[in-house]
Amino acid sequence: MVILGLALIILGGIAILSAVFVSEAGNGGELLGFSVTTLESFLIGVAAGAAVLWGFSILKWGTKRSLAHRRERKELTELNQKLERVEAERRAEGEDETRA
């Protein structure tokens, strides 16, 4: 998800930058080798802005999700270690009782 979010942000940024630096004043211009009108350029800008915002939201969601998985994995590891310690203590107590 993080990679998808970054890709959307990069693609949206490229579209915005190419529209800003390549467009001509007046009746449209050229965008990435295609002739576009002013309205089409505007709509491409809106779509690029939406892609950037969508990319940020996906990036945020993916980061939260991965952090939650890390916390859960850490907690499970700690619980597993505690369980192993308790089982080892019980085995040690059981061996002491059988010897006596």
PDB file of N, CA and C in Angstrom:
ATOM      1  N   MET A   1       0.810  -1.188   0.000  1.00  0.00           N
ATOM      2  CA  MET A   1       0.000   0.000   0.000  1.00  0.00           C
ATOM      3  C   MET A   1       0.855   1.255   0.000  1.00  0.00           C
ATOM      4  N   VAL A   2       1.951   1.205   0.730  1.00  0.00           N
ATOM      5  CA  VAL A   2       2.831   2.361   0.784  1.00  0.00           C
ATOM      6  C   VAL A   2       3.392   2.650  -0.607  1.00  0.00           C
ATOM      7  N   ILE A   3       3.766   1.601  -1.314  1.00  0.00           N
ATOM      8  CA  ILE A   3       4.337   1.773  -2.650  1.00  0.00           C
ATOM      9  C   ILE A   3       3.287   2.340  -3.606  1.00  0.00           C
ATOM     10  N   LEU A   4       2.047   1.858  -3.517  1.00  0.00           N
ATOM     11  CA  LEU A   4       0.970   2.368  -4.362  1.00  0.00           C
ATOM     12  C   LEU A   4       0.712   3.843  -4.068  1.00  0.00           C
ATOM     13  N   GLY A   5       0.702   4.211  -2.808  1.00  0.00           N
ATOM     14  CA  GLY A   5       0.508   5.609  -2.430  1.00  0.00           C
ATOM     15  C   GLY A   5       1.605   6.502  -2.973  1.00  0.00           C
ATOM     16  N   LEU A   6       2.856   6.054  -2.836  1.00  0.00           N
ATOM     17  CA  LEU A   6       3.977   6.838  -3.365  1.00  0.00           C
ATOM     18  C   LEU A   6       3.909   6.950  -4.883  1.00  0.00           C
ATOM     19  N   ALA A   7       3.508   5.881  -5.558  1.00  0.00           N
ATOM     20  CA  ALA A   7       3.402   5.912  -7.021  1.00  0.00           C
ATOM     21  C   ALA A   7       2.343   6.916  -7.467  1.00  0.00           C
ATOM     22  N   LEU A   8       1.198   6.942  -6.787  1.00  0.00           N
ATOM     23  CA  LEU A   8       0.154   7.910  -7.126  1.00  0.00           C
ATOM     24  C   LEU A   8       0.630   9.345  -6.903  1.00  0.00           C
ATOM     25  N   ILE A   9       1.343   9.570  -5.818  1.00  0.00           N
ATOM     26  CA  ILE A   9       1.853  10.903  -5.541  1.00  0.00           C
ATOM     27  C   ILE A   9       2.852  11.329  -6.613  1.00  0.00           C
ATOM     28  N   ILE A  10       3.738  10.439  -6.987  1.00  0.00           N
ATOM     29  CA  ILE A  10       4.746  10.759  -8.002  1.00  0.00           C
ATOM     30  C   ILE A  10       4.095  11.014  -9.361  1.00  0.00           C
ATOM     31  N   LEU A  11       3.156  10.156  -9.756  1.00  0.00           N
ATOM     32  CA  LEU A  11       2.486  10.345 -11.050  1.00  0.00           C
ATOM     33  C   LEU A  11       1.682  11.649 -11.081  1.00  0.00           C
ATOM     34  N   GLY A  12       0.980  11.934 -10.009  1.00  0.00           N
ATOM     35  CA  GLY A  12       0.238  13.193  -9.939  1.00  0.00           C
ATOM     36  C   GLY A  12       1.159  14.398  -9.990  1.00  0.00           C
ATOM     37  N   GLY A  13       2.277  14.308  -9.300  1.00  0.00           N
ATOM     38  CA  GLY A  13       3.257  15.400  -9.311  1.00  0.00           C
ATOM     39  C   GLY A  13       3.851  15.619 -10.691  1.00  0.00           C
ATOM     40  N   ILE A  14       4.144  14.543 -11.395  1.00  0.00           N
ATOM     41  CA  ILE A  14       4.684  14.654 -12.760  1.00  0.00           C
ATOM     42  C   ILE A  14       3.666  15.311 -13.680  1.00  0.00           C
ATOM     43  N   ALA A  15       2.404  14.916 -13.564  1.00  0.00           N
ATOM     44  CA  ALA A  15       1.364  15.520 -14.406  1.00  0.00           C
ATOM     45  C   ALA A  15       1.206  17.003 -14.107  1.00  0.00           C
ATOM     46  N   ILE A  16       1.235  17.372 -12.851  1.00  0.00           N
ATOM     47  CA  ILE A  16       1.095  18.785 -12.479  1.00  0.00           C
ATOM     48  C   ILE A  16       2.290  19.588 -12.976  1.00  0.00           C
ATOM     49  N   LEU A  17       3.493  19.083 -12.755  1.00  0.00           N
ATOM     50  CA  LEU A  17       4.691  19.802 -13.191  1.00  0.00           C
ATOM     51  C   LEU A  17       4.756  19.933 -14.702  1.00  0.00           C
ATOM     52  N   SER A  18       4.397  18.881 -15.411  1.00  0.00           N
ATOM     53  CA  SER A  18       4.442  18.968 -16.872  1.00  0.00           C
ATOM     54  C   SER A  18       3.401  19.954 -17.387  1.00  0.00           C
ATOM     55  N   ALA A  19       2.236  20.037 -16.735  1.00  0.00           N
ATOM     56  CA  ALA A  19       1.213  21.000 -17.148  1.00  0.00           C
ATOM     57  C   ALA A  19       1.661  22.434 -16.856  1.00  0.00           C
ATOM     58  N   VAL A  20       2.352  22.627 -15.754  1.00  0.00           N
ATOM     59  CA  VAL A  20       2.790  23.976 -15.386  1.00  0.00           C
ATOM     60  C   VAL A  20       3.918  24.455 -16.292  1.00  0.00           C
ATOM     61  N   PHE A  21       4.888  23.605 -16.567  1.00  0.00           N
ATOM     62  CA  PHE A  21       6.073  24.048 -17.291  1.00  0.00           C
ATOM     63  C   PHE A  21       5.962  23.936 -18.806  1.00  0.00           C
ATOM     64  N   VAL A  22       5.010  23.187 -19.325  1.00  0.00           N
ATOM     65  CA  VAL A  22       4.940  22.966 -20.761  1.00  0.00           C
ATOM     66  C   VAL A  22       3.782  23.721 -21.406  1.00  0.00           C
ATOM     67  N   SER A  23       2.761  24.065 -20.640  1.00  0.00           N
ATOM     68  CA  SER A  23       1.588  24.688 -21.248  1.00  0.00           C
ATOM     69  C   SER A  23       1.925  26.067 -21.800  1.00  0.00           C
ATOM     70  N   GLU A  24       1.206  26.442 -22.849  1.00  0.00           N
ATOM     71  CA  GLU A  24       1.394  27.736 -23.493  1.00  0.00           C
ATOM     72  C   GLU A  24       0.239  28.639 -23.110  1.00  0.00           C
ATOM     73  N   ALA A  25       0.466  29.923 -23.158  1.00  0.00           N
ATOM     74  CA  ALA A  25      -0.598  30.879 -22.856  1.00  0.00           C
ATOM     75  C   ALA A  25      -1.571  30.931 -24.036  1.00  0.00           C
ATOM     76  N   GLY A  26      -2.813  31.181 -23.741  1.00  0.00           N
ATOM     77  CA  GLY A  26      -3.775  31.330 -24.822  1.00  0.00           C
ATOM     78  C   GLY A  26      -4.701  30.137 -24.935  1.00  0.00           C
ATOM     79  N   ASN A  27      -4.804  29.613 -26.142  1.00  0.00           N
ATOM     80  CA  ASN A  27      -5.795  28.579 -26.438  1.00  0.00           C
ATOM     81  C   ASN A  27      -5.199  27.186 -26.309  1.00  0.00           C
ATOM     82  N   GLY A  28      -4.946  26.730 -25.108  1.00  0.00           N
ATOM     83  CA  GLY A  28      -4.447  25.376 -24.876  1.00  0.00           C
ATOM     84  C   GLY A  28      -2.938  25.308 -24.932  1.00  0.00           C
ATOM     85  N   GLY A  29      -2.441  24.147 -25.283  1.00  0.00           N
ATOM     86  CA  GLY A  29      -1.007  23.933 -25.334  1.00  0.00           C
ATOM     87  C   GLY A  29      -0.708  22.479 -25.583  1.00  0.00           C
ATOM     88  N   GLU A  30       0.466  22.072 -25.156  1.00  0.00           N
ATOM     89  CA  GLU A  30       0.896  20.697 -25.361  1.00  0.00           C
ATOM     90  C   GLU A  30       1.292  20.112 -24.023  1.00  0.00           C
ATOM     91  N   LEU A  31       0.778  18.934 -23.737  1.00  0.00           N
ATOM     92  CA  LEU A  31       1.048  18.264 -22.468  1.00  0.00           C
ATOM     93  C   LEU A  31       1.517  16.852 -22.760  1.00  0.00           C
ATOM     94  N   LEU A  32       2.759  16.570 -22.443  1.00  0.00           N
ATOM     95  CA  LEU A  32       3.366  15.257 -22.659  1.00  0.00           C
ATOM     96  C   LEU A  32       3.219  14.802 -24.119  1.00  0.00           C
ATOM     97  N   GLY A  33       3.357  15.728 -25.037  1.00  0.00           N
ATOM     98  CA  GLY A  33       3.313  15.398 -26.456  1.00  0.00           C
ATOM     99  C   GLY A  33       1.931  15.417 -27.066  1.00  0.00           C
ATOM    100  N   PHE A  34       0.891  15.673 -26.273  1.00  0.00           N
ATOM    101  CA  PHE A  34      -0.481  15.714 -26.773  1.00  0.00           C
ATOM    102  C   PHE A  34      -0.983  17.146 -26.762  1.00  0.00           C
ATOM    103  N   SER A  35      -1.715  17.513 -27.799  1.00  0.00           N
ATOM    104  CA  SER A  35      -2.315  18.837 -27.864  1.00  0.00           C
ATOM    105  C   SER A  35      -3.573  18.837 -27.003  1.00  0.00           C
ATOM    106  N   VAL A  36      -3.660  19.780 -26.069  1.00  0.00           N
ATOM    107  CA  VAL A  36      -4.805  19.844 -25.163  1.00  0.00           C
ATOM    108  C   VAL A  36      -5.349  21.263 -25.123  1.00  0.00           C
ATOM    109  N   THR A  37      -6.644  21.367 -24.880  1.00  0.00           N
ATOM    110  CA  THR A  37      -7.258  22.675 -24.703  1.00  0.00           C
ATOM    111  C   THR A  37      -7.080  23.111 -23.256  1.00  0.00           C
ATOM    112  N   THR A  38      -7.490  24.326 -22.986  1.00  0.00           N
ATOM    113  CA  THR A  38      -7.379  24.849 -21.617  1.00  0.00           C
ATOM    114  C   THR A  38      -8.250  24.043 -20.664  1.00  0.00           C
ATOM    115  N   LEU A  39      -9.451  23.704 -21.084  1.00  0.00           N
ATOM    116  CA  LEU A  39     -10.346  22.909 -20.239  1.00  0.00           C
ATOM    117  C   LEU A  39      -9.761  21.527 -19.962  1.00  0.00           C
ATOM    118  N   GLU A  40      -9.209  20.884 -20.976  1.00  0.00           N
ATOM    119  CA  GLU A  40      -8.588  19.566 -20.781  1.00  0.00           C
ATOM    120  C   GLU A  40      -7.393  19.666 -19.845  1.00  0.00           C
ATOM    121  N   SER A  41      -6.635  20.731 -19.971  1.00  0.00           N
ATOM    122  CA  SER A  41      -5.485  20.932 -19.077  1.00  0.00           C
ATOM    123  C   SER A  41      -5.961  21.092 -17.635  1.00  0.00           C
ATOM    124  N   PHE A  42      -7.050  21.856 -17.455  1.00  0.00           N
ATOM    125  CA  PHE A  42      -7.622  22.026 -16.123  1.00  0.00           C
ATOM    126  C   PHE A  42      -8.088  20.685 -15.549  1.00  0.00           C
ATOM    127  N   LEU A  43      -8.793  19.907 -16.363  1.00  0.00           N
ATOM    128  CA  LEU A  43      -9.299  18.614 -15.895  1.00  0.00           C
ATOM    129  C   LEU A  43      -8.160  17.646 -15.573  1.00  0.00           C
ATOM    130  N   ILE A  44      -7.094  17.694 -16.340  1.00  0.00           N
ATOM    131  CA  ILE A  44      -5.923  16.869 -16.041  1.00  0.00           C
ATOM    132  C   ILE A  44      -5.313  17.298 -14.708  1.00  0.00           C
ATOM    133  N   GLY A  45      -5.291  18.602 -14.467  1.00  0.00           N
ATOM    134  CA  GLY A  45      -4.785  19.108 -13.188  1.00  0.00           C
ATOM    135  C   GLY A  45      -5.630  18.659 -12.009  1.00  0.00           C
ATOM    136  N   VAL A  46      -6.953  18.687 -12.205  1.00  0.00           N
ATOM    137  CA  VAL A  46      -7.857  18.229 -11.141  1.00  0.00           C
ATOM    138  C   VAL A  46      -7.631  16.740 -10.868  1.00  0.00           C
ATOM    139  N   ALA A  47      -7.520  15.954 -11.949  1.00  0.00           N
ATOM    140  CA  ALA A  47      -7.277  14.510 -11.780  1.00  0.00           C
ATOM    141  C   ALA A  47      -5.927  14.253 -11.119  1.00  0.00           C
ATOM    142  N   ALA A  48      -4.919  15.046 -11.497  1.00  0.00           N
ATOM    143  CA  ALA A  48      -3.599  14.874 -10.881  1.00  0.00           C
ATOM    144  C   ALA A  48      -3.642  15.243  -9.400  1.00  0.00           C
ATOM    145  N   GLY A  49      -4.357  16.309  -9.059  1.00  0.00           N
ATOM    146  CA  GLY A  49      -4.507  16.686  -7.645  1.00  0.00           C
ATOM    147  C   GLY A  49      -5.236  15.617  -6.859  1.00  0.00           C
ATOM    148  N   ALA A  50      -6.277  15.053  -7.467  1.00  0.00           N
ATOM    149  CA  ALA A  50      -7.010  13.969  -6.802  1.00  0.00           C
ATOM    150  C   ALA A  50      -6.116  12.753  -6.606  1.00  0.00           C
ATOM    151  N   ALA A  51      -5.269  12.462  -7.595  1.00  0.00           N
ATOM    152  CA  ALA A  51      -4.350  11.325  -7.467  1.00  0.00           C
ATOM    153  C   ALA A  51      -3.353  11.559  -6.337  1.00  0.00           C
ATOM    154  N   VAL A  52      -2.870  12.786  -6.200  1.00  0.00           N
ATOM    155  CA  VAL A  52      -1.932  13.095  -5.116  1.00  0.00           C
ATOM    156  C   VAL A  52      -2.621  12.936  -3.762  1.00  0.00           C
ATOM    157  N   LEU A  53      -3.827  13.474  -3.629  1.00  0.00           N
ATOM    158  CA  LEU A  53      -4.552  13.338  -2.353  1.00  0.00           C
ATOM    159  C   LEU A  53      -4.875  11.880  -2.045  1.00  0.00           C
ATOM    160  N   TRP A  54      -5.293  11.132  -3.057  1.00  0.00           N
ATOM    161  CA  TRP A  54      -5.577   9.718  -2.876  1.00  0.00           C
ATOM    162  C   TRP A  54      -4.305   8.976  -2.474  1.00  0.00           C
ATOM    163  N   GLY A  55      -3.184   9.341  -3.096  1.00  0.00           N
ATOM    164  CA  GLY A  55      -1.906   8.723  -2.746  1.00  0.00           C
ATOM    165  C   GLY A  55      -1.526   8.979  -1.302  1.00  0.00           C
ATOM    166  N   PHE A  56      -1.739  10.224  -0.828  1.00  0.00           N
ATOM    167  CA  PHE A  56      -1.452  10.533   0.571  1.00  0.00           C
ATOM    168  C   PHE A  56      -2.336   9.721   1.512  1.00  0.00           C
ATOM    169  N   SER A  57      -3.618   9.587   1.174  1.00  0.00           N
ATOM    170  CA  SER A  57      -4.506   8.828   2.056  1.00  0.00           C
ATOM    171  C   SER A  57      -4.137   7.346   2.074  1.00  0.00           C
ATOM    172  N   ILE A  58      -3.785   6.783   0.928  1.00  0.00           N
ATOM    173  CA  ILE A  58      -3.354   5.379   0.886  1.00  0.00           C
ATOM    174  C   ILE A  58      -2.059   5.200   1.659  1.00  0.00           C
ATOM    175  N   LEU A  59      -1.137   6.141   1.505  1.00  0.00           N
ATOM    176  CA  LEU A  59       0.134   6.076   2.228  1.00  0.00           C
ATOM    177  C   LEU A  59      -0.102   6.131   3.735  1.00  0.00           C
ATOM    178  N   LYS A  60      -0.981   7.020   4.175  1.00  0.00           N
ATOM    179  CA  LYS A  60      -1.297   7.143   5.605  1.00  0.00           C
ATOM    180  C   LYS A  60      -1.939   5.860   6.130  1.00  0.00           C
ATOM    181  N   TRP A  61      -2.917   5.324   5.384  1.00  0.00           N
ATOM    182  CA  TRP A  61      -3.601   4.103   5.801  1.00  0.00           C
ATOM    183  C   TRP A  61      -2.629   2.924   5.854  1.00  0.00           C
ATOM    184  N   GLY A  62      -1.771   2.804   4.843  1.00  0.00           N
ATOM    185  CA  GLY A  62      -0.809   1.705   4.818  1.00  0.00           C
ATOM    186  C   GLY A  62       0.189   1.784   5.957  1.00  0.00           C
ATOM    187  N   THR A  63       0.613   3.005   6.281  1.00  0.00           N
ATOM    188  CA  THR A  63       1.561   3.182   7.386  1.00  0.00           C
ATOM    189  C   THR A  63       0.911   2.820   8.716  1.00  0.00           C
ATOM    190  N   LYS A  64      -0.325   3.267   8.938  1.00  0.00           N
ATOM    191  CA  LYS A  64      -1.029   2.914  10.180  1.00  0.00           C
ATOM    192  C   LYS A  64      -1.190   1.408  10.300  1.00  0.00           C
ATOM    193  N   ARG A  65      -1.544   0.784   9.195  1.00  0.00           N
ATOM    194  CA  ARG A  65      -1.764  -0.666   9.194  1.00  0.00           C
ATOM    195  C   ARG A  65      -0.475  -1.421   9.516  1.00  0.00           C
ATOM    196  N   SER A  66       0.631  -1.009   8.909  1.00  0.00           N
ATOM    197  CA  SER A  66       1.893  -1.708   9.165  1.00  0.00           C
ATOM    198  C   SER A  66       2.372  -1.486  10.594  1.00  0.00           C
ATOM    199  N   LEU A  67       2.140  -0.289  11.141  1.00  0.00           N
ATOM    200  CA  LEU A  67       2.509  -0.047  12.537  1.00  0.00           C
ATOM    201  C   LEU A  67       1.676  -0.900  13.486  1.00  0.00           C
ATOM    202  N   ALA A  68       0.391  -1.046  13.190  1.00  0.00           N
ATOM    203  CA  ALA A  68      -0.466  -1.885  14.025  1.00  0.00           C
ATOM    204  C   ALA A  68      -0.012  -3.340  13.973  1.00  0.00           C
ATOM    205  N   HIS A  69       0.381  -3.813  12.792  1.00  0.00           N
ATOM    206  CA  HIS A  69       0.870  -5.188  12.675  1.00  0.00           C
ATOM    207  C   HIS A  69       2.165  -5.371  13.461  1.00  0.00           C
ATOM    208  N   ARG A  70       3.047  -4.383  13.414  1.00  0.00           N
ATOM    209  CA  ARG A  70       4.297  -4.488  14.177  1.00  0.00           C
ATOM    210  C   ARG A  70       4.037  -4.534  15.669  1.00  0.00           C
ATOM    211  N   ARG A  71       3.124  -3.658  16.148  1.00  0.00           N
ATOM    212  CA  ARG A  71       2.795  -3.674  17.580  1.00  0.00           C
ATOM    213  C   ARG A  71       2.205  -5.013  18.006  1.00  0.00           C
ATOM    214  N   GLU A  72       1.299  -5.542  17.189  1.00  0.00           N
ATOM    215  CA  GLU A  72       0.675  -6.822  17.500  1.00  0.00           C
ATOM    216  C   GLU A  72       1.701  -7.945  17.506  1.00  0.00           C
ATOM    217  N   ARG A  73       2.605  -7.937  16.528  1.00  0.00           N
ATOM    218  CA  ARG A  73       3.637  -8.968  16.465  1.00  0.00           C
ATOM    219  C   ARG A  73       4.570  -8.875  17.674  1.00  0.00           C
ATOM    220  N   LYS A  74       4.902  -7.648  18.094  1.00  0.00           N
ATOM    221  CA  LYS A  74       5.756  -7.472  19.268  1.00  0.00           C
ATOM    222  C   LYS A  74       5.062  -7.977  20.523  1.00  0.00           C
ATOM    223  N   GLU A  75       3.770  -7.657  20.666  1.00  0.00           N
ATOM    224  CA  GLU A  75       3.007  -8.113  21.825  1.00  0.00           C
ATOM    225  C   GLU A  75       2.901  -9.636  21.851  1.00  0.00           C
ATOM    226  N   LEU A  76       2.654 -10.239  20.704  1.00  0.00           N
ATOM    227  CA  LEU A  76       2.569 -11.702  20.650  1.00  0.00           C
ATOM    228  C   LEU A  76       3.906 -12.352  20.976  1.00  0.00           C
ATOM    229  N   THR A  77       4.991 -11.745  20.528  1.00  0.00           N
ATOM    230  CA  THR A  77       6.321 -12.272  20.844  1.00  0.00           C
ATOM    231  C   THR A  77       6.571 -12.217  22.344  1.00  0.00           C
ATOM    232  N   GLU A  78       6.196 -11.087  22.977  1.00  0.00           N
ATOM    233  CA  GLU A  78       6.380 -10.962  24.425  1.00  0.00           C
ATOM    234  C   GLU A  78       5.532 -11.983  25.180  1.00  0.00           C
ATOM    235  N   LEU A  79       4.282 -12.158  24.752  1.00  0.00           N
ATOM    236  CA  LEU A  79       3.413 -13.146  25.405  1.00  0.00           C
ATOM    237  C   LEU A  79       3.947 -14.559  25.219  1.00  0.00           C
ATOM    238  N   ASN A  80       4.478 -14.853  24.052  1.00  0.00           N
ATOM    239  CA  ASN A  80       5.048 -16.174  23.798  1.00  0.00           C
ATOM    240  C   ASN A  80       6.254 -16.421  24.704  1.00  0.00           C
ATOM    241  N   GLN A  81       7.092 -15.405  24.885  1.00  0.00           N
ATOM    242  CA  GLN A  81       8.247 -15.557  25.770  1.00  0.00           C
ATOM    243  C   GLN A  81       7.814 -15.791  27.211  1.00  0.00           C
ATOM    244  N   LYS A  82       6.786 -15.065  27.667  1.00  0.00           N
ATOM    245  CA  LYS A  82       6.276 -15.272  29.022  1.00  0.00           C
ATOM    246  C   LYS A  82       5.725 -16.679  29.190  1.00  0.00           C
ATOM    247  N   LEU A  83       4.980 -17.149  28.184  1.00  0.00           N
ATOM    248  CA  LEU A  83       4.421 -18.495  28.238  1.00  0.00           C
ATOM    249  C   LEU A  83       5.523 -19.546  28.288  1.00  0.00           C
ATOM    250  N   GLU A  84       6.551 -19.384  27.491  1.00  0.00           N
ATOM    251  CA  GLU A  84       7.667 -20.332  27.511  1.00  0.00           C
ATOM    252  C   GLU A  84       8.368 -20.334  28.860  1.00  0.00           C
ATOM    253  N   ARG A  85       8.511 -19.135  29.459  1.00  0.00           N
ATOM    254  CA  ARG A  85       9.145 -19.042  30.777  1.00  0.00           C
ATOM    255  C   ARG A  85       8.318 -19.774  31.833  1.00  0.00           C
ATOM    256  N   VAL A  86       6.997 -19.578  31.814  1.00  0.00           N
ATOM    257  CA  VAL A  86       6.113 -20.231  32.793  1.00  0.00           C
ATOM    258  C   VAL A  86       6.144 -21.741  32.592  1.00  0.00           C
ATOM    259  N   GLU A  87       6.100 -22.194  31.340  1.00  0.00           N
ATOM    260  CA  GLU A  87       6.154 -23.634  31.081  1.00  0.00           C
ATOM    261  C   GLU A  87       7.490 -24.222  31.529  1.00  0.00           C
ATOM    262  N   ALA A  88       8.572 -23.505  31.344  1.00  0.00           N
ATOM    263  CA  ALA A  88       9.877 -23.992  31.786  1.00  0.00           C
ATOM    264  C   ALA A  88       9.921 -24.094  33.308  1.00  0.00           C
ATOM    265  N   GLU A  89       9.326 -23.116  33.996  1.00  0.00           N
ATOM    266  CA  GLU A  89       9.289 -23.155  35.462  1.00  0.00           C
ATOM    267  C   GLU A  89       8.444 -24.343  35.944  1.00  0.00           C
ATOM    268  N   ARG A  90       7.325 -24.603  35.285  1.00  0.00           N
ATOM    269  CA  ARG A  90       6.476 -25.732  35.676  1.00  0.00           C
ATOM    270  C   ARG A  90       7.188 -27.055  35.444  1.00  0.00           C
ATOM    271  N   ARG A  91       7.905 -27.155  34.332  1.00  0.00           N
ATOM    272  CA  ARG A  91       8.663 -28.390  34.074  1.00  0.00           C
ATOM    273  C   ARG A  91       9.749 -28.583  35.121  1.00  0.00           C
ATOM    274  N   ALA A  92      10.397 -27.478  35.500  1.00  0.00           N
ATOM    275  CA  ALA A  92      11.453 -27.568  36.512  1.00  0.00           C
ATOM    276  C   ALA A  92      10.865 -27.980  37.861  1.00  0.00           C
ATOM    277  N   GLU A  93       9.695 -27.440  38.215  1.00  0.00           N
ATOM    278  CA  GLU A  93       9.044 -27.823  39.467  1.00  0.00           C
ATOM    279  C   GLU A  93       8.611 -29.284  39.432  1.00  0.00           C
ATOM    280  N   GLY A  94       8.123 -29.727  38.275  1.00  0.00           N
ATOM    281  CA  GLY A  94       7.694 -31.123  38.143  1.00  0.00           C
ATOM    282  C   GLY A  94       8.877 -32.070  38.275  1.00  0.00           C
ATOM    283  N   GLU A  95      10.015 -31.713  37.754  1.00  0.00           N
ATOM    284  CA  GLU A  95      11.204 -32.560  37.866  1.00  0.00           C
ATOM    285  C   GLU A  95      11.687 -32.591  39.308  1.00  0.00           C
ATOM    286  N   ASP A  96      11.590 -31.439  40.008  1.00  0.00           N
ATOM    287  CA  ASP A  96      12.005 -31.422  41.412  1.00  0.00           C
ATOM    288  C   ASP A  96      11.108 -32.304  42.263  1.00  0.00           C
ATOM    289  N   GLU A  97       9.806 -32.330  41.984  1.00  0.00           N
ATOM    290  CA  GLU A  97       8.875 -33.146  42.772  1.00  0.00           C
ATOM    291  C   GLU A  97       9.094 -34.627  42.500  1.00  0.00           C
ATOM    292  N   THR A  98       9.453 -34.996  41.283  1.00  0.00           N
ATOM    293  CA  THR A  98       9.666 -36.415  40.975  1.00  0.00           C
ATOM    294  C   THR A  98      10.964 -36.908  41.596  1.00  0.00           C
ATOM    295  N   ARG A  99      11.932 -36.071  41.814  1.00  0.00           N
ATOM    296  CA  ARG A  99      13.197 -36.470  42.418  1.00  0.00           C
ATOM    297  C   ARG A  99      13.055 -36.660  43.923  1.00  0.00           C
ATOM    298  N   ALA A 100      12.167 -35.935  44.526  1.00  0.00           N
ATOM    299  CA  ALA A 100      12.058 -35.970  45.991  1.00  0.00           C
ATOM    300  C   ALA A 100      11.284 -37.152  46.479  1.00  0.00           C
TER     301      ALA A 100
END
